[in-house]
Amino acid sequence: MAKLTTKFIENVKPADTRREIPDAGCRGLYLVVQPTGRKSWAVRYRFNGVPKKLTLDNVGSLADARKKATAALHELERGDDPVGLKFDARAKAEREATDRNADTVER
């Protein structure tokens, strides 16, 4: 397992199958390369003995990916499930959007 670099990430080519390339620079962080060439980031960890995968949103750079992965792992150390927190935040945002639209003049 090698420490990923920006140059490597830019030059990595897609394969016939989905690939997860681990980053030795940050525990649990993976570069995910789809057969289409799309690249994304994920953090793999265990919560209460169950393997989990958190897909990182809005990652602009390797440094940003490492920072978000580290933040997720700190949540884990505090006893929180990063995937659960992500879904809770998304559900709260959807509820707030629904509430804002419920009291409009049109309704």
Protein backbone atom coordinates (compact mmCIF):
# COMPACT_ATOMS: atom_id res chain seq x y z
CA MET A 1 0.00 0.00 0.00
CA ALA A 2 1.51 3.29 -1.10
CA LYS A 3 0.77 6.84 -0.09
CA LEU A 4 -1.33 8.36 -2.85
CA THR A 5 -0.15 11.49 -4.65
CA THR A 6 -2.02 14.06 -6.70
CA LYS A 7 -0.10 13.05 -9.81
CA PHE A 8 -1.01 9.37 -9.33
CA ILE A 9 -4.69 10.25 -8.87
CA GLU A 10 -4.73 12.35 -12.04
CA ASN A 11 -3.04 9.57 -14.06
CA VAL A 12 -4.83 6.48 -12.72
CA LYS A 13 -6.64 4.68 -15.53
CA PRO A 14 -9.97 2.87 -15.19
CA ALA A 15 -10.05 -0.92 -15.35
CA ASP A 16 -12.78 -3.32 -16.49
CA THR A 17 -14.07 -3.49 -12.91
CA ARG A 18 -14.47 -1.02 -10.07
CA ARG A 19 -11.24 -0.53 -8.10
CA GLU A 20 -10.60 0.72 -4.59
CA ILE A 21 -7.05 1.98 -4.11
CA PRO A 22 -6.05 2.44 -0.44
CA ASP A 23 -4.14 5.49 0.73
CA ALA A 24 -1.33 4.79 3.19
CA GLY A 25 -1.41 8.49 4.12
CA CYS A 26 -4.78 8.17 5.87
CA ARG A 27 -6.16 5.08 7.60
CA GLY A 28 -9.32 3.75 5.92
CA LEU A 29 -9.27 6.15 2.96
CA TYR A 30 -9.75 4.71 -0.54
CA LEU A 31 -9.77 6.21 -4.01
CA VAL A 32 -12.62 4.54 -5.91
CA VAL A 33 -12.15 4.34 -9.68
CA GLN A 34 -15.17 3.26 -11.73
CA PRO A 35 -14.87 1.52 -15.15
CA THR A 36 -16.25 4.75 -16.67
CA GLY A 37 -13.25 6.67 -15.29
CA ARG A 38 -15.24 8.46 -12.58
CA LYS A 39 -13.26 8.88 -9.36
CA SER A 40 -14.63 9.25 -5.85
CA TRP A 41 -13.51 8.79 -2.27
CA ALA A 42 -14.65 6.45 0.48
CA VAL A 43 -13.72 5.64 4.06
CA ARG A 44 -13.96 2.05 5.26
CA TYR A 45 -14.28 1.33 8.98
CA ARG A 46 -16.01 -0.91 11.50
CA PHE A 47 -18.81 0.26 13.79
CA ASN A 48 -19.92 -2.14 16.53
CA GLY A 49 -18.13 -4.94 14.67
CA VAL A 50 -19.98 -4.26 11.40
CA PRO A 51 -17.97 -3.18 8.32
CA LYS A 52 -19.16 0.17 6.94
CA LYS A 53 -18.30 2.41 4.01
CA LEU A 54 -18.77 6.18 4.00
CA THR A 55 -18.72 7.86 0.60
CA LEU A 56 -17.19 11.32 0.90
CA ASP A 57 -19.10 14.12 -0.83
CA ASN A 58 -17.71 17.22 -2.51
CA VAL A 59 -14.04 16.28 -2.38
CA GLY A 60 -11.86 18.59 -4.43
CA SER A 61 -8.36 17.33 -3.70
CA LEU A 62 -6.35 14.63 -1.99
CA ALA A 63 -5.77 16.91 1.00
CA ASP A 64 -9.52 17.56 1.24
CA ALA A 65 -10.24 13.82 1.10
CA ARG A 66 -7.74 13.14 3.89
CA LYS A 67 -9.21 15.94 6.01
CA LYS A 68 -12.77 14.63 5.59
CA ALA A 69 -11.69 11.05 6.26
CA THR A 70 -9.87 12.12 9.42
CA ALA A 71 -12.97 14.02 10.59
CA ALA A 72 -15.13 10.93 9.99
CA LEU A 73 -12.71 8.75 11.95
CA HIS A 74 -12.76 11.26 14.83
CA GLU A 75 -16.56 10.93 14.91
CA LEU A 76 -16.06 7.17 15.13
CA GLU A 77 -13.64 7.57 18.05
CA ARG A 78 -16.32 9.61 19.87
CA GLY A 79 -18.70 6.66 19.48
CA ASP A 80 -20.76 8.03 16.59
CA ASP A 81 -21.36 6.24 13.30
CA PRO A 82 -20.24 8.58 10.46
CA VAL A 83 -22.68 6.98 7.98
CA GLY A 84 -25.54 7.39 10.45
CA LEU A 85 -24.63 11.03 11.03
CA LYS A 86 -24.52 11.65 7.28
CA PHE A 87 -27.99 10.16 6.77
CA ASP A 88 -29.39 12.03 9.79
CA ALA A 89 -28.06 15.34 8.42
CA ARG A 90 -29.51 14.61 4.99
CA ALA A 91 -32.92 13.72 6.46
CA LYS A 92 -32.91 16.89 8.58
CA ALA A 93 -32.10 19.03 5.53
CA GLU A 94 -34.95 17.39 3.58
CA ARG A 95 -37.39 18.00 6.47
CA GLU A 96 -36.35 21.65 6.68
CA ALA A 97 -36.78 22.09 2.92
CA THR A 98 -40.24 20.53 3.13
CA ASP A 99 -41.15 22.79 6.06
CA ARG A 100 -39.99 25.90 4.18
CA ASN A 101 -42.12 24.95 1.17
CA ALA A 102 -45.19 24.07 3.26
CA ASP A 103 -45.99 27.65 4.29
CA THR A 104 -45.81 29.39 0.94
CA VAL A 105 -48.45 31.64 -0.59
CA GLU A 106 -49.15 29.04 -3.27
CA ARG A 107 -50.08 26.46 -0.65
